[in-house]
Amino acid sequence: MFRLTAVIFTMVLGLVFFLGLTLQAAGKEEGERILQQRCSVCHTLTRVYEAEKDREGWEYYVERMIRMGARVTPEENPVLVDYLTEKFSP
């Protein structure tokens, strides 16, 4: 009985780890899609690629762009900030 429990626990743990990696990859793809579709409407992405901001800086920058007319939804905002922070923070 203990072995069966240990095997099931290990399988569940592996599944949770796999799903976590899958969701993380999906988040990266979604963040990149939002960046490409929303941010490049008004300016080249070179501005983004050359910026070096921490999470707080990206949050401020995205909010500023939204106030200036960027069409980023409230649901997309944290996905975009996560992506920018992970990809373009020093």
PDB file of N, CA and C in Angstrom:
ATOM      1  N   MET A   1       0.817  -1.191   0.000  1.00  0.00           N
ATOM      2  CA  MET A   1       0.000   0.000   0.000  1.00  0.00           C
ATOM      3  C   MET A   1       0.862   1.258   0.000  1.00  0.00           C
ATOM      4  N   PHE A   2       1.932   1.245   0.781  1.00  0.00           N
ATOM      5  CA  PHE A   2       2.823   2.402   0.836  1.00  0.00           C
ATOM      6  C   PHE A   2       3.459   2.667  -0.518  1.00  0.00           C
ATOM      7  N   ARG A   3       3.875   1.597  -1.212  1.00  0.00           N
ATOM      8  CA  ARG A   3       4.492   1.762  -2.537  1.00  0.00           C
ATOM      9  C   ARG A   3       3.521   2.382  -3.526  1.00  0.00           C
ATOM     10  N   LEU A   4       2.292   1.922  -3.510  1.00  0.00           N
ATOM     11  CA  LEU A   4       1.280   2.457  -4.417  1.00  0.00           C
ATOM     12  C   LEU A   4       1.051   3.945  -4.130  1.00  0.00           C
ATOM     13  N   THR A   5       0.972   4.300  -2.880  1.00  0.00           N
ATOM     14  CA  THR A   5       0.800   5.699  -2.506  1.00  0.00           C
ATOM     15  C   THR A   5       1.987   6.526  -2.964  1.00  0.00           C
ATOM     16  N   ALA A   6       3.183   6.002  -2.779  1.00  0.00           N
ATOM     17  CA  ALA A   6       4.391   6.714  -3.195  1.00  0.00           C
ATOM     18  C   ALA A   6       4.428   6.889  -4.711  1.00  0.00           C
ATOM     19  N   VAL A   7       4.042   5.872  -5.446  1.00  0.00           N
ATOM     20  CA  VAL A   7       4.027   5.946  -6.910  1.00  0.00           C
ATOM     21  C   VAL A   7       2.997   6.983  -7.367  1.00  0.00           C
ATOM     22  N   ILE A   8       1.822   6.940  -6.794  1.00  0.00           N
ATOM     23  CA  ILE A   8       0.781   7.903  -7.168  1.00  0.00           C
ATOM     24  C   ILE A   8       1.225   9.321  -6.826  1.00  0.00           C
ATOM     25  N   PHE A   9       1.797   9.516  -5.653  1.00  0.00           N
ATOM     26  CA  PHE A   9       2.279  10.821  -5.244  1.00  0.00           C
ATOM     27  C   PHE A   9       3.342  11.337  -6.217  1.00  0.00           C
ATOM     28  N   THR A  10       4.259  10.484  -6.606  1.00  0.00           N
ATOM     29  CA  THR A  10       5.319  10.861  -7.546  1.00  0.00           C
ATOM     30  C   THR A  10       4.726  11.236  -8.902  1.00  0.00           C
ATOM     31  N   MET A  11       3.743  10.481  -9.348  1.00  0.00           N
ATOM     32  CA  MET A  11       3.115  10.778 -10.634  1.00  0.00           C
ATOM     33  C   MET A  11       2.377  12.114 -10.587  1.00  0.00           C
ATOM     34  N   VAL A  12       1.668  12.366  -9.503  1.00  0.00           N
ATOM     35  CA  VAL A  12       0.943  13.629  -9.361  1.00  0.00           C
ATOM     36  C   VAL A  12       1.929  14.788  -9.306  1.00  0.00           C
ATOM     37  N   LEU A  13       2.997  14.620  -8.563  1.00  0.00           N
ATOM     38  CA  LEU A  13       4.018  15.660  -8.470  1.00  0.00           C
ATOM     39  C   LEU A  13       4.624  15.951  -9.843  1.00  0.00           C
ATOM     40  N   GLY A  14       4.915  14.906 -10.613  1.00  0.00           N
ATOM     41  CA  GLY A  14       5.443  15.084 -11.968  1.00  0.00           C
ATOM     42  C   GLY A  14       4.456  15.796 -12.874  1.00  0.00           C
ATOM     43  N   LEU A  15       3.192  15.464 -12.751  1.00  0.00           N
ATOM     44  CA  LEU A  15       2.161  16.110 -13.558  1.00  0.00           C
ATOM     45  C   LEU A  15       2.047  17.591 -13.214  1.00  0.00           C
ATOM     46  N   VAL A  16       2.071  17.908 -11.929  1.00  0.00           N
ATOM     47  CA  VAL A  16       2.004  19.307 -11.511  1.00  0.00           C
ATOM     48  C   VAL A  16       3.203  20.079 -12.049  1.00  0.00           C
ATOM     49  N   PHE A  17       4.382  19.488 -11.985  1.00  0.00           N
ATOM     50  CA  PHE A  17       5.588  20.133 -12.509  1.00  0.00           C
ATOM     51  C   PHE A  17       5.461  20.362 -14.007  1.00  0.00           C
ATOM     52  N   PHE A  18       5.010  19.349 -14.743  1.00  0.00           N
ATOM     53  CA  PHE A  18       4.840  19.462 -16.194  1.00  0.00           C
ATOM     54  C   PHE A  18       3.821  20.546 -16.543  1.00  0.00           C
ATOM     55  N   LEU A  19       2.692  20.562 -15.847  1.00  0.00           N
ATOM     56  CA  LEU A  19       1.669  21.574 -16.121  1.00  0.00           C
ATOM     57  C   LEU A  19       2.182  22.971 -15.808  1.00  0.00           C
ATOM     58  N   GLY A  20       2.977  23.097 -14.758  1.00  0.00           N
ATOM     59  CA  GLY A  20       3.568  24.388 -14.425  1.00  0.00           C
ATOM     60  C   GLY A  20       4.463  24.888 -15.540  1.00  0.00           C
ATOM     61  N   LEU A  21       5.294  24.011 -16.086  1.00  0.00           N
ATOM     62  CA  LEU A  21       6.167  24.402 -17.195  1.00  0.00           C
ATOM     63  C   LEU A  21       5.361  24.759 -18.433  1.00  0.00           C
ATOM     64  N   THR A  22       4.308  24.004 -18.686  1.00  0.00           N
ATOM     65  CA  THR A  22       3.456  24.269 -19.842  1.00  0.00           C
ATOM     66  C   THR A  22       2.768  25.620 -19.711  1.00  0.00           C
ATOM     67  N   LEU A  23       2.233  25.904 -18.531  1.00  0.00           N
ATOM     68  CA  LEU A  23       1.579  27.195 -18.314  1.00  0.00           C
ATOM     69  C   LEU A  23       2.566  28.341 -18.398  1.00  0.00           C
ATOM     70  N   GLN A  24       3.781  28.127 -17.914  1.00  0.00           N
ATOM     71  CA  GLN A  24       4.805  29.171 -17.989  1.00  0.00           C
ATOM     72  C   GLN A  24       5.139  29.462 -19.449  1.00  0.00           C
ATOM     73  N   ALA A  25       5.292  28.424 -20.262  1.00  0.00           N
ATOM     74  CA  ALA A  25       5.585  28.616 -21.684  1.00  0.00           C
ATOM     75  C   ALA A  25       4.426  29.321 -22.382  1.00  0.00           C
ATOM     76  N   ALA A  26       3.197  28.946 -22.017  1.00  0.00           N
ATOM     77  CA  ALA A  26       2.030  29.595 -22.617  1.00  0.00           C
ATOM     78  C   ALA A  26       1.993  31.073 -22.236  1.00  0.00           C
ATOM     79  N   GLY A  27       2.360  31.386 -21.000  1.00  0.00           N
ATOM     80  CA  GLY A  27       2.397  32.779 -20.555  1.00  0.00           C
ATOM     81  C   GLY A  27       3.421  33.590 -21.322  1.00  0.00           C
ATOM     82  N   LYS A  28       4.577  32.986 -21.596  1.00  0.00           N
ATOM     83  CA  LYS A  28       5.612  33.673 -22.373  1.00  0.00           C
ATOM     84  C   LYS A  28       5.122  33.948 -23.781  1.00  0.00           C
ATOM     85  N   GLU A  29       4.495  32.943 -24.390  1.00  0.00           N
ATOM     86  CA  GLU A  29       3.982  33.124 -25.749  1.00  0.00           C
ATOM     87  C   GLU A  29       2.899  34.196 -25.780  1.00  0.00           C
ATOM     88  N   GLU A  30       2.030  34.188 -24.782  1.00  0.00           N
ATOM     89  CA  GLU A  30       0.956  35.180 -24.723  1.00  0.00           C
ATOM     90  C   GLU A  30       1.534  36.574 -24.508  1.00  0.00           C
ATOM     91  N   GLY A  31       2.519  36.697 -23.628  1.00  0.00           N
ATOM     92  CA  GLY A  31       3.160  37.988 -23.392  1.00  0.00           C
ATOM     93  C   GLY A  31       3.829  38.517 -24.640  1.00  0.00           C
ATOM     94  N   GLU A  32       4.495  37.637 -25.362  1.00  0.00           N
ATOM     95  CA  GLU A  32       5.143  38.057 -26.604  1.00  0.00           C
ATOM     96  C   GLU A  32       4.104  38.480 -27.643  1.00  0.00           C
ATOM     97  N   ARG A  33       2.998  37.749 -27.707  1.00  0.00           N
ATOM     98  CA  ARG A  33       1.927  38.093 -28.649  1.00  0.00           C
ATOM     99  C   ARG A  33       1.349  39.473 -28.328  1.00  0.00           C
ATOM    100  N   ILE A  34       1.095  39.730 -27.055  1.00  0.00           N
ATOM    101  CA  ILE A  34       0.554  41.032 -26.655  1.00  0.00           C
ATOM    102  C   ILE A  34       1.539  42.136 -27.027  1.00  0.00           C
ATOM    103  N   LEU A  35       2.809  41.911 -26.744  1.00  0.00           N
ATOM    104  CA  LEU A  35       3.834  42.899 -27.079  1.00  0.00           C
ATOM    105  C   LEU A  35       3.826  43.188 -28.577  1.00  0.00           C
ATOM    106  N   GLN A  36       3.839  42.142 -29.388  1.00  0.00           N
ATOM    107  CA  GLN A  36       3.879  42.305 -30.841  1.00  0.00           C
ATOM    108  C   GLN A  36       2.619  43.019 -31.356  1.00  0.00           C
ATOM    109  N   GLN A  37       1.457  42.618 -30.857  1.00  0.00           N
ATOM    110  CA  GLN A  37       0.202  43.149 -31.397  1.00  0.00           C
ATOM    111  C   GLN A  37      -0.168  44.523 -30.861  1.00  0.00           C
ATOM    112  N   ARG A  38       0.116  44.775 -29.602  1.00  0.00           N
ATOM    113  CA  ARG A  38      -0.356  46.014 -28.990  1.00  0.00           C
ATOM    114  C   ARG A  38       0.691  47.129 -29.012  1.00  0.00           C
ATOM    115  N   CYS A  39       1.923  46.777 -28.725  1.00  0.00           N
ATOM    116  CA  CYS A  39       2.947  47.820 -28.542  1.00  0.00           C
ATOM    117  C   CYS A  39       3.517  48.329 -29.864  1.00  0.00           C
ATOM    118  N   SER A  40       3.572  47.468 -30.855  1.00  0.00           N
ATOM    119  CA  SER A  40       4.174  47.882 -32.121  1.00  0.00           C
ATOM    120  C   SER A  40       3.237  48.727 -32.967  1.00  0.00           C
ATOM    121  N   VAL A  41       2.023  48.957 -32.498  1.00  0.00           N
ATOM    122  CA  VAL A  41       1.076  49.804 -33.228  1.00  0.00           C
ATOM    123  C   VAL A  41       1.579  51.244 -33.259  1.00  0.00           C
ATOM    124  N   CYS A  42       2.168  51.693 -32.149  1.00  0.00           N
ATOM    125  CA  CYS A  42       2.573  53.103 -32.030  1.00  0.00           C
ATOM    126  C   CYS A  42       4.073  53.339 -32.177  1.00  0.00           C
ATOM    127  N   HIS A  43       4.871  52.344 -31.905  1.00  0.00           N
ATOM    128  CA  HIS A  43       6.324  52.539 -31.988  1.00  0.00           C
ATOM    129  C   HIS A  43       7.002  51.210 -32.284  1.00  0.00           C
ATOM    130  N   THR A  44       8.257  51.285 -32.688  1.00  0.00           N
ATOM    131  CA  THR A  44       9.000  50.053 -32.952  1.00  0.00           C
ATOM    132  C   THR A  44       9.299  49.365 -31.621  1.00  0.00           C
ATOM    133  N   LEU A  45       9.541  48.086 -31.691  1.00  0.00           N
ATOM    134  CA  LEU A  45       9.835  47.337 -30.472  1.00  0.00           C
ATOM    135  C   LEU A  45      11.277  47.532 -30.011  1.00  0.00           C
ATOM    136  N   THR A  46      12.078  48.208 -30.807  1.00  0.00           N
ATOM    137  CA  THR A  46      13.449  48.517 -30.408  1.00  0.00           C
ATOM    138  C   THR A  46      13.449  49.284 -29.091  1.00  0.00           C
ATOM    139  N   ARG A  47      12.489  50.172 -28.922  1.00  0.00           N
ATOM    140  CA  ARG A  47      12.383  50.936 -27.673  1.00  0.00           C
ATOM    141  C   ARG A  47      12.213  49.997 -26.480  1.00  0.00           C
ATOM    142  N   VAL A  48      11.432  48.963 -26.662  1.00  0.00           N
ATOM    143  CA  VAL A  48      11.208  47.999 -25.587  1.00  0.00           C
ATOM    144  C   VAL A  48      12.462  47.165 -25.370  1.00  0.00           C
ATOM    145  N   TYR A  49      13.050  46.675 -26.461  1.00  0.00           N
ATOM    146  CA  TYR A  49      14.215  45.799 -26.366  1.00  0.00           C
ATOM    147  C   TYR A  49      15.399  46.495 -25.695  1.00  0.00           C
ATOM    148  N   GLU A  50      15.510  47.802 -25.868  1.00  0.00           N
ATOM    149  CA  GLU A  50      16.644  48.535 -25.306  1.00  0.00           C
ATOM    150  C   GLU A  50      16.390  49.043 -23.888  1.00  0.00           C
ATOM    151  N   ALA A  51      15.145  48.998 -23.445  1.00  0.00           N
ATOM    152  CA  ALA A  51      14.816  49.481 -22.103  1.00  0.00           C
ATOM    153  C   ALA A  51      15.294  48.474 -21.062  1.00  0.00           C
ATOM    154  N   GLU A  52      15.781  48.979 -19.968  1.00  0.00           N
ATOM    155  CA  GLU A  52      16.174  48.123 -18.853  1.00  0.00           C
ATOM    156  C   GLU A  52      15.402  48.587 -17.634  1.00  0.00           C
ATOM    157  N   LYS A  53      14.341  47.871 -17.324  1.00  0.00           N
ATOM    158  CA  LYS A  53      13.485  48.244 -16.207  1.00  0.00           C
ATOM    159  C   LYS A  53      13.269  47.035 -15.305  1.00  0.00           C
ATOM    160  N   ASP A  54      13.076  47.300 -14.020  1.00  0.00           N
ATOM    161  CA  ASP A  54      12.673  46.233 -13.120  1.00  0.00           C
ATOM    162  C   ASP A  54      11.156  46.099 -13.206  1.00  0.00           C
ATOM    163  N   ARG A  55      10.583  45.207 -12.423  1.00  0.00           N
ATOM    164  CA  ARG A  55       9.135  44.971 -12.500  1.00  0.00           C
ATOM    165  C   ARG A  55       8.345  46.262 -12.268  1.00  0.00           C
ATOM    166  N   GLU A  56       8.729  47.016 -11.264  1.00  0.00           N
ATOM    167  CA  GLU A  56       8.032  48.265 -10.967  1.00  0.00           C
ATOM    168  C   GLU A  56       8.109  49.223 -12.154  1.00  0.00           C
ATOM    169  N   GLY A  57       9.259  49.289 -12.799  1.00  0.00           N
ATOM    170  CA  GLY A  57       9.426  50.139 -13.977  1.00  0.00           C
ATOM    171  C   GLY A  57       8.544  49.703 -15.124  1.00  0.00           C
ATOM    172  N   TRP A  58       8.443  48.380 -15.360  1.00  0.00           N
ATOM    173  CA  TRP A  58       7.581  47.884 -16.435  1.00  0.00           C
ATOM    174  C   TRP A  58       6.121  48.139 -16.121  1.00  0.00           C
ATOM    175  N   GLU A  59       5.721  47.968 -14.847  1.00  0.00           N
ATOM    176  CA  GLU A  59       4.336  48.243 -14.474  1.00  0.00           C
ATOM    177  C   GLU A  59       3.990  49.699 -14.767  1.00  0.00           C
ATOM    178  N   TYR A  60       4.874  50.602 -14.364  1.00  0.00           N
ATOM    179  CA  TYR A  60       4.655  52.027 -14.611  1.00  0.00           C
ATOM    180  C   TYR A  60       4.596  52.304 -16.113  1.00  0.00           C
ATOM    181  N   TYR A  61       5.531  51.743 -16.868  1.00  0.00           N
ATOM    182  CA  TYR A  61       5.624  51.985 -18.307  1.00  0.00           C
ATOM    183  C   TYR A  61       4.373  51.500 -19.034  1.00  0.00           C
ATOM    184  N   VAL A  62       3.906  50.293 -18.692  1.00  0.00           N
ATOM    185  CA  VAL A  62       2.712  49.746 -19.347  1.00  0.00           C
ATOM    186  C   VAL A  62       1.492  50.598 -19.000  1.00  0.00           C
ATOM    187  N   GLU A  63       1.355  50.978 -17.736  1.00  0.00           N
ATOM    188  CA  GLU A  63       0.231  51.846 -17.352  1.00  0.00           C
ATOM    189  C   GLU A  63       0.287  53.180 -18.095  1.00  0.00           C
ATOM    190  N   ARG A  64       1.469  53.722 -18.236  1.00  0.00           N
ATOM    191  CA  ARG A  64       1.649  54.981 -18.971  1.00  0.00           C
ATOM    192  C   ARG A  64       1.226  54.826 -20.431  1.00  0.00           C
ATOM    193  N   MET A  65       1.625  53.725 -21.046  1.00  0.00           N
ATOM    194  CA  MET A  65       1.253  53.483 -22.444  1.00  0.00           C
ATOM    195  C   MET A  65      -0.262  53.309 -22.577  1.00  0.00           C
ATOM    196  N   ILE A  66      -0.884  52.667 -21.598  1.00  0.00           N
ATOM    197  CA  ILE A  66      -2.341  52.497 -21.625  1.00  0.00           C
ATOM    198  C   ILE A  66      -3.017  53.863 -21.531  1.00  0.00           C
ATOM    199  N   ARG A  67      -2.518  54.727 -20.653  1.00  0.00           N
ATOM    200  CA  ARG A  67      -3.083  56.080 -20.540  1.00  0.00           C
ATOM    201  C   ARG A  67      -2.925  56.853 -21.847  1.00  0.00           C
ATOM    202  N   MET A  68      -1.894  56.517 -22.624  1.00  0.00           N
ATOM    203  CA  MET A  68      -1.651  57.206 -23.893  1.00  0.00           C
ATOM    204  C   MET A  68      -2.401  56.542 -25.051  1.00  0.00           C
ATOM    205  N   GLY A  69      -3.145  55.463 -24.763  1.00  0.00           N
ATOM    206  CA  GLY A  69      -3.981  54.869 -25.791  1.00  0.00           C
ATOM    207  C   GLY A  69      -3.678  53.430 -26.169  1.00  0.00           C
ATOM    208  N   ALA A  70      -2.677  52.813 -25.572  1.00  0.00           N
ATOM    209  CA  ALA A  70      -2.396  51.404 -25.886  1.00  0.00           C
ATOM    210  C   ALA A  70      -3.603  50.562 -25.496  1.00  0.00           C
ATOM    211  N   ARG A  71      -3.988  49.692 -26.371  1.00  0.00           N
ATOM    212  CA  ARG A  71      -5.178  48.863 -26.146  1.00  0.00           C
ATOM    213  C   ARG A  71      -4.788  47.533 -25.503  1.00  0.00           C
ATOM    214  N   VAL A  72      -4.394  47.632 -24.247  1.00  0.00           N
ATOM    215  CA  VAL A  72      -4.057  46.460 -23.446  1.00  0.00           C
ATOM    216  C   VAL A  72      -5.173  46.298 -22.427  1.00  0.00           C
ATOM    217  N   THR A  73      -5.799  45.134 -22.423  1.00  0.00           N
ATOM    218  CA  THR A  73      -6.919  44.899 -21.510  1.00  0.00           C
ATOM    219  C   THR A  73      -6.396  44.672 -20.092  1.00  0.00           C
ATOM    220  N   PRO A  74      -7.279  44.816 -19.103  1.00  0.00           N
ATOM    221  CA  PRO A  74      -6.863  44.530 -17.724  1.00  0.00           C
ATOM    222  C   PRO A  74      -6.356  43.097 -17.540  1.00  0.00           C
ATOM    223  N   GLU A  75      -6.876  42.160 -18.312  1.00  0.00           N
ATOM    224  CA  GLU A  75      -6.414  40.771 -18.230  1.00  0.00           C
ATOM    225  C   GLU A  75      -5.033  40.609 -18.860  1.00  0.00           C
ATOM    226  N   GLU A  76      -4.755  41.366 -19.905  1.00  0.00           N
ATOM    227  CA  GLU A  76      -3.470  41.272 -20.606  1.00  0.00           C
ATOM    228  C   GLU A  76      -2.350  41.988 -19.859  1.00  0.00           C
ATOM    229  N   ASN A  77      -2.702  42.998 -19.090  1.00  0.00           N
ATOM    230  CA  ASN A  77      -1.705  43.822 -18.412  1.00  0.00           C
ATOM    231  C   ASN A  77      -0.710  42.999 -17.585  1.00  0.00           C
ATOM    232  N   PRO A  78      -1.153  42.148 -16.645  1.00  0.00           N
ATOM    233  CA  PRO A  78      -0.161  41.401 -15.860  1.00  0.00           C
ATOM    234  C   PRO A  78       0.631  40.392 -16.687  1.00  0.00           C
ATOM    235  N   VAL A  79       0.012  39.854 -17.725  1.00  0.00           N
ATOM    236  CA  VAL A  79       0.731  38.914 -18.598  1.00  0.00           C
ATOM    237  C   VAL A  79       1.857  39.646 -19.317  1.00  0.00           C
ATOM    238  N   LEU A  80       1.563  40.833 -19.811  1.00  0.00           N
ATOM    239  CA  LEU A  80       2.571  41.640 -20.505  1.00  0.00           C
ATOM    240  C   LEU A  80       3.677  42.069 -19.551  1.00  0.00           C
ATOM    241  N   VAL A  81       3.306  42.531 -18.366  1.00  0.00           N
ATOM    242  CA  VAL A  81       4.312  42.963 -17.386  1.00  0.00           C
ATOM    243  C   VAL A  81       5.198  41.786 -16.972  1.00  0.00           C
ATOM    244  N   ASP A  82       4.605  40.611 -16.764  1.00  0.00           N
ATOM    245  CA  ASP A  82       5.403  39.421 -16.429  1.00  0.00           C
ATOM    246  C   ASP A  82       6.411  39.125 -17.533  1.00  0.00           C
ATOM    247  N   TYR A  83       5.941  39.161 -18.768  1.00  0.00           N
ATOM    248  CA  TYR A  83       6.806  38.874 -19.910  1.00  0.00           C
ATOM    249  C   TYR A  83       7.945  39.896 -20.010  1.00  0.00           C
ATOM    250  N   LEU A  84       7.603  41.172 -19.916  1.00  0.00           N
ATOM    251  CA  LEU A  84       8.629  42.215 -20.017  1.00  0.00           C
ATOM    252  C   LEU A  84       9.647  42.108 -18.886  1.00  0.00           C
ATOM    253  N   THR A  85       9.163  41.829 -17.686  1.00  0.00           N
ATOM    254  CA  THR A  85      10.051  41.701 -16.538  1.00  0.00           C
ATOM    255  C   THR A  85      11.011  40.535 -16.719  1.00  0.00           C
ATOM    256  N   GLU A  86      10.475  39.413 -17.147  1.00  0.00           N
ATOM    257  CA  GLU A  86      11.323  38.234 -17.318  1.00  0.00           C
ATOM    258  C   GLU A  86      12.312  38.403 -18.470  1.00  0.00           C
ATOM    259  N   LYS A  87      11.841  38.990 -19.544  1.00  0.00           N
ATOM    260  CA  LYS A  87      12.655  39.068 -20.761  1.00  0.00           C
ATOM    261  C   LYS A  87      13.623  40.267 -20.791  1.00  0.00           C
ATOM    262  N   PHE A  88      13.202  41.397 -20.247  1.00  0.00           N
ATOM    263  CA  PHE A  88      13.972  42.630 -20.460  1.00  0.00           C
ATOM    264  C   PHE A  88      14.397  43.350 -19.183  1.00  0.00           C
ATOM    265  N   SER A  89      14.418  42.652 -18.068  1.00  0.00           N
ATOM    266  CA  SER A  89      14.928  43.285 -16.841  1.00  0.00           C
ATOM    267  C   SER A  89      16.410  42.973 -16.692  1.00  0.00           C
ATOM    268  N   PRO A  90      17.135  43.933 -16.102  1.00  0.00           N
ATOM    269  CA  PRO A  90      18.581  43.707 -15.942  1.00  0.00           C
ATOM    270  C   PRO A  90      18.894  42.582 -14.975  1.00  0.00           C
TER     271      PRO A  90
END
